[in-house]
Amino acid sequence: MYRIIIADDEAIECRALELMIQREFPELEVLP
């Protein structure tokens, strides 16, 4: 399983990316 991290100074952008990744790539582990 691949682990992915998102770095962005806008929390809403981070959350949107997290949700898209979790929906489209459930095999990825999204880190905080």
PDB file of all heavy atoms in Angstrom:
ATOM      1  N   MET A   1       0.848  -1.183   0.000  1.00  0.00           N
ATOM      2  CA  MET A   1       0.000   0.000   0.000  1.00  0.00           C
ATOM      3  C   MET A   1       0.888   1.239   0.000  1.00  0.00           C
ATOM      4  O   MET A   1       1.809   1.345   0.791  1.00  0.00           O
ATOM      5  CB  MET A   1      -0.898  -0.006   1.234  1.00  0.00           C
ATOM      6  CG  MET A   1      -1.683   1.272   1.390  1.00  0.00           C
ATOM      7  SD  MET A   1      -2.731   1.368   2.844  1.00  0.00           S
ATOM      8  CE  MET A   1      -3.987   0.200   2.411  1.00  0.00           C
ATOM      9  N   TYR A   2       0.590   2.151  -0.899  1.00  0.00           N
ATOM     10  CA  TYR A   2       1.326   3.409  -0.950  1.00  0.00           C
ATOM     11  C   TYR A   2       0.745   4.389   0.055  1.00  0.00           C
ATOM     12  O   TYR A   2      -0.453   4.423   0.302  1.00  0.00           O
ATOM     13  CB  TYR A   2       1.260   4.020  -2.350  1.00  0.00           C
ATOM     14  CG  TYR A   2       2.060   3.262  -3.356  1.00  0.00           C
ATOM     15  CD1 TYR A   2       1.439   2.468  -4.310  1.00  0.00           C
ATOM     16  CD2 TYR A   2       3.444   3.336  -3.366  1.00  0.00           C
ATOM     17  CE1 TYR A   2       2.184   1.764  -5.240  1.00  0.00           C
ATOM     18  CE2 TYR A   2       4.196   2.638  -4.293  1.00  0.00           C
ATOM     19  CZ  TYR A   2       3.554   1.858  -5.231  1.00  0.00           C
ATOM     20  OH  TYR A   2       4.292   1.164  -6.142  1.00  0.00           O
ATOM     21  N   ARG A   3       1.637   5.213   0.600  1.00  0.00           N
ATOM     22  CA  ARG A   3       1.242   6.247   1.562  1.00  0.00           C
ATOM     23  C   ARG A   3       1.450   7.601   0.900  1.00  0.00           C
ATOM     24  O   ARG A   3       2.493   7.857   0.309  1.00  0.00           O
ATOM     25  CB  ARG A   3       2.092   6.122   2.810  1.00  0.00           C
ATOM     26  CG  ARG A   3       1.939   4.758   3.470  1.00  0.00           C
ATOM     27  CD  ARG A   3       3.005   4.538   4.478  1.00  0.00           C
ATOM     28  NE  ARG A   3       2.885   5.595   5.475  1.00  0.00           N
ATOM     29  CZ  ARG A   3       3.040   5.418   6.763  1.00  0.00           C
ATOM     30  NH1 ARG A   3       3.377   4.259   7.223  1.00  0.00           N
ATOM     31  NH2 ARG A   3       2.898   6.408   7.594  1.00  0.00           N
ATOM     32  N   ILE A   4       0.461   8.478   1.038  1.00  0.00           N
ATOM     33  CA  ILE A   4       0.509   9.785   0.384  1.00  0.00           C
ATOM     34  C   ILE A   4       0.309  10.882   1.416  1.00  0.00           C
ATOM     35  O   ILE A   4      -0.476  10.744   2.354  1.00  0.00           O
ATOM     36  CB  ILE A   4      -0.552   9.864  -0.739  1.00  0.00           C
ATOM     37  CG1 ILE A   4      -0.410  11.132  -1.555  1.00  0.00           C
ATOM     38  CG2 ILE A   4      -1.949   9.725  -0.196  1.00  0.00           C
ATOM     39  CD1 ILE A   4      -1.214  11.124  -2.837  1.00  0.00           C
ATOM     40  N   ILE A   5       1.058  11.979   1.224  1.00  0.00           N
ATOM     41  CA  ILE A   5       0.910  13.141   2.103  1.00  0.00           C
ATOM     42  C   ILE A   5       0.603  14.362   1.247  1.00  0.00           C
ATOM     43  O   ILE A   5       1.097  14.479   0.118  1.00  0.00           O
ATOM     44  CB  ILE A   5       2.173  13.368   2.961  1.00  0.00           C
ATOM     45  CG1 ILE A   5       1.900  14.420   4.038  1.00  0.00           C
ATOM     46  CG2 ILE A   5       3.373  13.739   2.116  1.00  0.00           C
ATOM     47  CD1 ILE A   5       2.907  14.407   5.150  1.00  0.00           C
ATOM     48  N   ILE A   6      -0.221  15.240   1.769  1.00  0.00           N
ATOM     49  CA  ILE A   6      -0.610  16.464   1.071  1.00  0.00           C
ATOM     50  C   ILE A   6      -0.118  17.650   1.890  1.00  0.00           C
ATOM     51  O   ILE A   6      -0.340  17.711   3.105  1.00  0.00           O
ATOM     52  CB  ILE A   6      -2.141  16.545   0.893  1.00  0.00           C
ATOM     53  CG1 ILE A   6      -2.628  15.335   0.074  1.00  0.00           C
ATOM     54  CG2 ILE A   6      -2.551  17.862   0.244  1.00  0.00           C
ATOM     55  CD1 ILE A   6      -4.116  15.126   0.117  1.00  0.00           C
ATOM     56  N   ALA A   7       0.555  18.585   1.219  1.00  0.00           N
ATOM     57  CA  ALA A   7       1.046  19.795   1.880  1.00  0.00           C
ATOM     58  C   ALA A   7       0.507  21.013   1.134  1.00  0.00           C
ATOM     59  O   ALA A   7       0.821  21.224  -0.034  1.00  0.00           O
ATOM     60  CB  ALA A   7       2.570  19.813   1.887  1.00  0.00           C
ATOM     61  N   ASP A   8      -0.317  21.777   1.814  1.00  0.00           N
ATOM     62  CA  ASP A   8      -0.898  22.991   1.227  1.00  0.00           C
ATOM     63  C   ASP A   8      -1.309  23.896   2.380  1.00  0.00           C
ATOM     64  O   ASP A   8      -1.799  23.413   3.402  1.00  0.00           O
ATOM     65  CB  ASP A   8      -2.112  22.634   0.363  1.00  0.00           C
ATOM     66  CG  ASP A   8      -2.574  23.780  -0.517  1.00  0.00           C
ATOM     67  OD1 ASP A   8      -2.715  24.914  -0.008  1.00  0.00           O
ATOM     68  OD2 ASP A   8      -2.795  23.558  -1.716  1.00  0.00           O
ATOM     69  N   ASP A   9      -1.116  25.196   2.220  1.00  0.00           N
ATOM     70  CA  ASP A   9      -1.451  26.118   3.304  1.00  0.00           C
ATOM     71  C   ASP A   9      -2.947  26.408   3.409  1.00  0.00           C
ATOM     72  O   ASP A   9      -3.371  27.094   4.337  1.00  0.00           O
ATOM     73  CB  ASP A   9      -0.654  27.420   3.191  1.00  0.00           C
ATOM     74  CG  ASP A   9      -0.865  28.132   1.872  1.00  0.00           C
ATOM     75  OD1 ASP A   9      -1.143  27.464   0.863  1.00  0.00           O
ATOM     76  OD2 ASP A   9      -0.734  29.366   1.843  1.00  0.00           O
ATOM     77  N   GLU A  10      -3.751  25.867   2.517  1.00  0.00           N
ATOM     78  CA  GLU A  10      -5.198  26.061   2.575  1.00  0.00           C
ATOM     79  C   GLU A  10      -5.855  24.744   2.981  1.00  0.00           C
ATOM     80  O   GLU A  10      -5.835  23.760   2.233  1.00  0.00           O
ATOM     81  CB  GLU A  10      -5.720  26.526   1.230  1.00  0.00           C
ATOM     82  CG  GLU A  10      -5.025  27.799   0.780  1.00  0.00           C
ATOM     83  CD  GLU A  10      -5.935  28.765   0.108  1.00  0.00           C
ATOM     84  OE1 GLU A  10      -7.163  28.588   0.173  1.00  0.00           O
ATOM     85  OE2 GLU A  10      -5.402  29.702  -0.483  1.00  0.00           O
ATOM     86  N   ALA A  11      -6.432  24.716   4.165  1.00  0.00           N
ATOM     87  CA  ALA A  11      -7.010  23.488   4.718  1.00  0.00           C
ATOM     88  C   ALA A  11      -8.101  22.914   3.824  1.00  0.00           C
ATOM     89  O   ALA A  11      -8.217  21.694   3.678  1.00  0.00           O
ATOM     90  CB  ALA A  11      -7.552  23.752   6.120  1.00  0.00           C
ATOM     91  N   ILE A  12      -8.904  23.784   3.210  1.00  0.00           N
ATOM     92  CA  ILE A  12      -9.991  23.286   2.361  1.00  0.00           C
ATOM     93  C   ILE A  12      -9.443  22.560   1.129  1.00  0.00           C
ATOM     94  O   ILE A  12     -10.011  21.572   0.677  1.00  0.00           O
ATOM     95  CB  ILE A  12     -10.966  24.418   1.968  1.00  0.00           C
ATOM     96  CG1 ILE A  12     -12.247  23.822   1.402  1.00  0.00           C
ATOM     97  CG2 ILE A  12     -10.322  25.394   1.004  1.00  0.00           C
ATOM     98  CD1 ILE A  12     -13.404  24.794   1.349  1.00  0.00           C
ATOM     99  N   GLU A  13      -8.310  23.018   0.613  1.00  0.00           N
ATOM    100  CA  GLU A  13      -7.666  22.349  -0.524  1.00  0.00           C
ATOM    101  C   GLU A  13      -7.166  20.964  -0.100  1.00  0.00           C
ATOM    102  O   GLU A  13      -7.314  19.985  -0.833  1.00  0.00           O
ATOM    103  CB  GLU A  13      -6.503  23.175  -1.057  1.00  0.00           C
ATOM    104  CG  GLU A  13      -6.897  24.515  -1.631  1.00  0.00           C
ATOM    105  CD  GLU A  13      -7.653  24.395  -2.944  1.00  0.00           C
ATOM    106  OE1 GLU A  13      -7.482  23.382  -3.653  1.00  0.00           O
ATOM    107  OE2 GLU A  13      -8.407  25.322  -3.256  1.00  0.00           O
ATOM    108  N   CYS A  14      -6.564  20.907   1.067  1.00  0.00           N
ATOM    109  CA  CYS A  14      -6.082  19.618   1.579  1.00  0.00           C
ATOM    110  C   CYS A  14      -7.240  18.642   1.731  1.00  0.00           C
ATOM    111  O   CYS A  14      -7.150  17.484   1.305  1.00  0.00           O
ATOM    112  CB  CYS A  14      -5.382  19.800   2.924  1.00  0.00           C
ATOM    113  SG  CYS A  14      -3.789  20.620   2.819  1.00  0.00           S
ATOM    114  N   ARG A  15      -8.303  19.100   2.338  1.00  0.00           N
ATOM    115  CA  ARG A  15      -9.457  18.222   2.574  1.00  0.00           C
ATOM    116  C   ARG A  15     -10.074  17.751   1.262  1.00  0.00           C
ATOM    117  O   ARG A  15     -10.440  16.579   1.132  1.00  0.00           O
ATOM    118  CB  ARG A  15     -10.496  18.935   3.438  1.00  0.00           C
ATOM    119  CG  ARG A  15     -11.609  18.049   3.885  1.00  0.00           C
ATOM    120  CD  ARG A  15     -11.089  16.949   4.811  1.00  0.00           C
ATOM    121  NE  ARG A  15     -12.188  16.062   5.138  1.00  0.00           N
ATOM    122  CZ  ARG A  15     -12.105  14.744   5.197  1.00  0.00           C
ATOM    123  NH1 ARG A  15     -10.953  14.145   5.004  1.00  0.00           N
ATOM    124  NH2 ARG A  15     -13.141  14.021   5.486  1.00  0.00           N
ATOM    125  N   ALA A  16     -10.191  18.638   0.284  1.00  0.00           N
ATOM    126  CA  ALA A  16     -10.754  18.251  -1.013  1.00  0.00           C
ATOM    127  C   ALA A  16      -9.883  17.189  -1.685  1.00  0.00           C
ATOM    128  O   ALA A  16     -10.406  16.193  -2.211  1.00  0.00           O
ATOM    129  CB  ALA A  16     -10.890  19.474  -1.911  1.00  0.00           C
ATOM    130  N   LEU A  17      -8.585  17.376  -1.664  1.00  0.00           N
ATOM    131  CA  LEU A  17      -7.680  16.383  -2.243  1.00  0.00           C
ATOM    132  C   LEU A  17      -7.762  15.050  -1.494  1.00  0.00           C
ATOM    133  O   LEU A  17      -7.770  13.984  -2.115  1.00  0.00           O
ATOM    134  CB  LEU A  17      -6.246  16.902  -2.236  1.00  0.00           C
ATOM    135  CG  LEU A  17      -5.912  17.929  -3.305  1.00  0.00           C
ATOM    136  CD1 LEU A  17      -4.558  18.567  -3.024  1.00  0.00           C
ATOM    137  CD2 LEU A  17      -5.917  17.290  -4.680  1.00  0.00           C
ATOM    138  N   GLU A  18      -7.808  15.111  -0.170  1.00  0.00           N
ATOM    139  CA  GLU A  18      -7.941  13.890   0.629  1.00  0.00           C
ATOM    140  C   GLU A  18      -9.180  13.102   0.217  1.00  0.00           C
ATOM    141  O   GLU A  18      -9.114  11.883  -0.004  1.00  0.00           O
ATOM    142  CB  GLU A  18      -8.037  14.219   2.116  1.00  0.00           C
ATOM    143  CG  GLU A  18      -6.765  14.696   2.741  1.00  0.00           C
ATOM    144  CD  GLU A  18      -6.978  15.208   4.162  1.00  0.00           C
ATOM    145  OE1 GLU A  18      -8.127  15.152   4.680  1.00  0.00           O
ATOM    146  OE2 GLU A  18      -5.993  15.671   4.761  1.00  0.00           O
ATOM    147  N   LEU A  19     -10.304  13.786   0.110  1.00  0.00           N
ATOM    148  CA  LEU A  19     -11.559  13.117  -0.236  1.00  0.00           C
ATOM    149  C   LEU A  19     -11.514  12.526  -1.640  1.00  0.00           C
ATOM    150  O   LEU A  19     -11.974  11.398  -1.860  1.00  0.00           O
ATOM    151  CB  LEU A  19     -12.736  14.084  -0.094  1.00  0.00           C
ATOM    152  CG  LEU A  19     -13.076  14.513   1.331  1.00  0.00           C
ATOM    153  CD1 LEU A  19     -14.139  15.600   1.325  1.00  0.00           C
ATOM    154  CD2 LEU A  19     -13.525  13.318   2.152  1.00  0.00           C
ATOM    155  N   MET A  20     -10.970  13.273  -2.595  1.00  0.00           N
ATOM    156  CA  MET A  20     -10.873  12.759  -3.966  1.00  0.00           C
ATOM    157  C   MET A  20      -9.974  11.530  -4.026  1.00  0.00           C
ATOM    158  O   MET A  20     -10.301  10.536  -4.687  1.00  0.00           O
ATOM    159  CB  MET A  20     -10.349  13.840  -4.914  1.00  0.00           C
ATOM    160  CG  MET A  20     -11.366  14.903  -5.232  1.00  0.00           C
ATOM    161  SD  MET A  20     -10.871  16.020  -6.557  1.00  0.00           S
ATOM    162  CE  MET A  20      -9.427  16.800  -5.866  1.00  0.00           C
ATOM    163  N   ILE A  21      -8.855  11.583  -3.354  1.00  0.00           N
ATOM    164  CA  ILE A  21      -7.917  10.454  -3.369  1.00  0.00           C
ATOM    165  C   ILE A  21      -8.545   9.234  -2.696  1.00  0.00           C
ATOM    166  O   ILE A  21      -8.462   8.112  -3.218  1.00  0.00           O
ATOM    167  CB  ILE A  21      -6.589  10.841  -2.698  1.00  0.00           C
ATOM    168  CG1 ILE A  21      -5.854  11.859  -3.574  1.00  0.00           C
ATOM    169  CG2 ILE A  21      -5.728   9.610  -2.443  1.00  0.00           C
ATOM    170  CD1 ILE A  21      -4.706  12.558  -2.883  1.00  0.00           C
ATOM    171  N   GLN A  22      -9.185   9.434  -1.565  1.00  0.00           N
ATOM    172  CA  GLN A  22      -9.812   8.309  -0.866  1.00  0.00           C
ATOM    173  C   GLN A  22     -10.921   7.678  -1.693  1.00  0.00           C
ATOM    174  O   GLN A  22     -11.099   6.458  -1.681  1.00  0.00           O
ATOM    175  CB  GLN A  22     -10.347   8.765   0.489  1.00  0.00           C
ATOM    176  CG  GLN A  22      -9.250   9.062   1.479  1.00  0.00           C
ATOM    177  CD  GLN A  22      -9.743   9.760   2.724  1.00  0.00           C
ATOM    178  OE1 GLN A  22     -10.818  10.358   2.753  1.00  0.00           O
ATOM    179  NE2 GLN A  22      -8.942   9.717   3.782  1.00  0.00           N
ATOM    180  N   ARG A  23     -11.659   8.493  -2.438  1.00  0.00           N
ATOM    181  CA  ARG A  23     -12.752   7.978  -3.264  1.00  0.00           C
ATOM    182  C   ARG A  23     -12.223   7.244  -4.492  1.00  0.00           C
ATOM    183  O   ARG A  23     -12.673   6.156  -4.821  1.00  0.00           O
ATOM    184  CB  ARG A  23     -13.674   9.123  -3.687  1.00  0.00           C
ATOM    185  CG  ARG A  23     -14.899   8.632  -4.477  1.00  0.00           C
ATOM    186  CD  ARG A  23     -15.811   9.763  -4.928  1.00  0.00           C
ATOM    187  NE  ARG A  23     -15.097  10.606  -5.881  1.00  0.00           N
ATOM    188  CZ  ARG A  23     -14.936  11.908  -5.779  1.00  0.00           C
ATOM    189  NH1 ARG A  23     -15.442  12.554  -4.757  1.00  0.00           N
ATOM    190  NH2 ARG A  23     -14.287  12.599  -6.683  1.00  0.00           N
ATOM    191  N   GLU A  24     -11.248   7.830  -5.171  1.00  0.00           N
ATOM    192  CA  GLU A  24     -10.757   7.267  -6.434  1.00  0.00           C
ATOM    193  C   GLU A  24      -9.669   6.214  -6.258  1.00  0.00           C
ATOM    194  O   GLU A  24      -9.492   5.356  -7.128  1.00  0.00           O
ATOM    195  CB  GLU A  24     -10.241   8.391  -7.329  1.00  0.00           C
ATOM    196  CG  GLU A  24     -11.287   9.412  -7.716  1.00  0.00           C
ATOM    197  CD  GLU A  24     -12.425   8.819  -8.545  1.00  0.00           C
ATOM    198  OE1 GLU A  24     -12.174   7.897  -9.344  1.00  0.00           O
ATOM    199  OE2 GLU A  24     -13.573   9.285  -8.382  1.00  0.00           O
ATOM    200  N   PHE A  25      -8.924   6.278  -5.171  1.00  0.00           N
ATOM    201  CA  PHE A  25      -7.812   5.360  -4.935  1.00  0.00           C
ATOM    202  C   PHE A  25      -7.883   4.814  -3.508  1.00  0.00           C
ATOM    203  O   PHE A  25      -7.037   5.133  -2.667  1.00  0.00           O
ATOM    204  CB  PHE A  25      -6.472   6.071  -5.173  1.00  0.00           C
ATOM    205  CG  PHE A  25      -6.358   6.693  -6.531  1.00  0.00           C
ATOM    206  CD1 PHE A  25      -6.608   8.053  -6.713  1.00  0.00           C
ATOM    207  CD2 PHE A  25      -6.013   5.923  -7.627  1.00  0.00           C
ATOM    208  CE1 PHE A  25      -6.505   8.623  -7.971  1.00  0.00           C
ATOM    209  CE2 PHE A  25      -5.905   6.483  -8.884  1.00  0.00           C
ATOM    210  CZ  PHE A  25      -6.159   7.839  -9.065  1.00  0.00           C
ATOM    211  N   PRO A  26      -8.854   3.975  -3.210  1.00  0.00           N
ATOM    212  CA  PRO A  26      -9.023   3.499  -1.840  1.00  0.00           C
ATOM    213  C   PRO A  26      -7.837   2.673  -1.335  1.00  0.00           C
ATOM    214  O   PRO A  26      -7.680   2.506  -0.125  1.00  0.00           O
ATOM    215  CB  PRO A  26     -10.301   2.657  -1.901  1.00  0.00           C
ATOM    216  CG  PRO A  26     -10.474   2.312  -3.340  1.00  0.00           C
ATOM    217  CD  PRO A  26      -9.844   3.423  -4.119  1.00  0.00           C
ATOM    218  N   GLU A  27      -7.000   2.196  -2.240  1.00  0.00           N
ATOM    219  CA  GLU A  27      -5.845   1.406  -1.820  1.00  0.00           C
ATOM    220  C   GLU A  27      -4.715   2.277  -1.263  1.00  0.00           C
ATOM    221  O   GLU A  27      -3.775   1.756  -0.663  1.00  0.00           O
ATOM    222  CB  GLU A  27      -5.323   0.539  -2.981  1.00  0.00           C
ATOM    223  CG  GLU A  27      -4.695   1.318  -4.113  1.00  0.00           C
ATOM    224  CD  GLU A  27      -5.678   1.907  -5.124  1.00  0.00           C
ATOM    225  OE1 GLU A  27      -6.902   1.839  -4.946  1.00  0.00           O
ATOM    226  OE2 GLU A  27      -5.191   2.457  -6.125  1.00  0.00           O
ATOM    227  N   LEU A  28      -4.777   3.593  -1.463  1.00  0.00           N
ATOM    228  CA  LEU A  28      -3.761   4.499  -0.925  1.00  0.00           C
ATOM    229  C   LEU A  28      -4.092   4.870   0.522  1.00  0.00           C
ATOM    230  O   LEU A  28      -5.249   5.074   0.875  1.00  0.00           O
ATOM    231  CB  LEU A  28      -3.689   5.787  -1.743  1.00  0.00           C
ATOM    232  CG  LEU A  28      -3.167   5.680  -3.171  1.00  0.00           C
ATOM    233  CD1 LEU A  28      -3.211   7.040  -3.835  1.00  0.00           C
ATOM    234  CD2 LEU A  28      -1.767   5.133  -3.197  1.00  0.00           C
ATOM    235  N   GLU A  29      -3.062   4.975   1.333  1.00  0.00           N
ATOM    236  CA  GLU A  29      -3.230   5.463   2.705  1.00  0.00           C
ATOM    237  C   GLU A  29      -2.920   6.955   2.715  1.00  0.00           C
ATOM    238  O   GLU A  29      -1.797   7.361   2.409  1.00  0.00           O
ATOM    239  CB  GLU A  29      -2.275   4.738   3.654  1.00  0.00           C
ATOM    240  CG  GLU A  29      -2.366   5.233   5.071  1.00  0.00           C
ATOM    241  CD  GLU A  29      -1.337   4.603   5.991  1.00  0.00           C
ATOM    242  OE1 GLU A  29      -0.621   3.670   5.561  1.00  0.00           O
ATOM    243  OE2 GLU A  29      -1.240   5.057   7.141  1.00  0.00           O
ATOM    244  N   VAL A  30      -3.915   7.772   3.021  1.00  0.00           N
ATOM    245  CA  VAL A  30      -3.734   9.219   3.058  1.00  0.00           C
ATOM    246  C   VAL A  30      -3.289   9.609   4.462  1.00  0.00           C
ATOM    247  O   VAL A  30      -4.013   9.416   5.436  1.00  0.00           O
ATOM    248  CB  VAL A  30      -5.021   9.970   2.662  1.00  0.00           C
ATOM    249  CG1 VAL A  30      -4.803  11.469   2.720  1.00  0.00           C
ATOM    250  CG2 VAL A  30      -5.482   9.547   1.276  1.00  0.00           C
ATOM    251  N   LEU A  31      -2.091  10.148   4.551  1.00  0.00           N
ATOM    252  CA  LEU A  31      -1.521  10.581   5.831  1.00  0.00           C
ATOM    253  C   LEU A  31      -2.098  11.943   6.222  1.00  0.00           C
ATOM    254  O   LEU A  31      -2.650  12.655   5.374  1.00  0.00           O
ATOM    255  CB  LEU A  31      -0.004  10.662   5.704  1.00  0.00           C
ATOM    256  CG  LEU A  31       0.694   9.345   5.363  1.00  0.00           C
ATOM    257  CD1 LEU A  31       2.153   9.587   5.034  1.00  0.00           C
ATOM    258  CD2 LEU A  31       0.547   8.362   6.500  1.00  0.00           C
ATOM    259  N   PRO A  32      -1.951  12.342   7.472  1.00  0.00           N
ATOM    260  CA  PRO A  32      -2.440  13.665   7.883  1.00  0.00           C
ATOM    261  C   PRO A  32      -1.779  14.780   7.065  1.00  0.00           C
ATOM    262  O   PRO A  32      -0.566  14.773   6.861  1.00  0.00           O
ATOM    263  CB  PRO A  32      -2.033  13.758   9.353  1.00  0.00           C
ATOM    264  CG  PRO A  32      -1.871  12.346   9.796  1.00  0.00           C
ATOM    265  CD  PRO A  32      -1.388  11.588   8.592  1.00  0.00           C
TER     266      PRO A  32
END
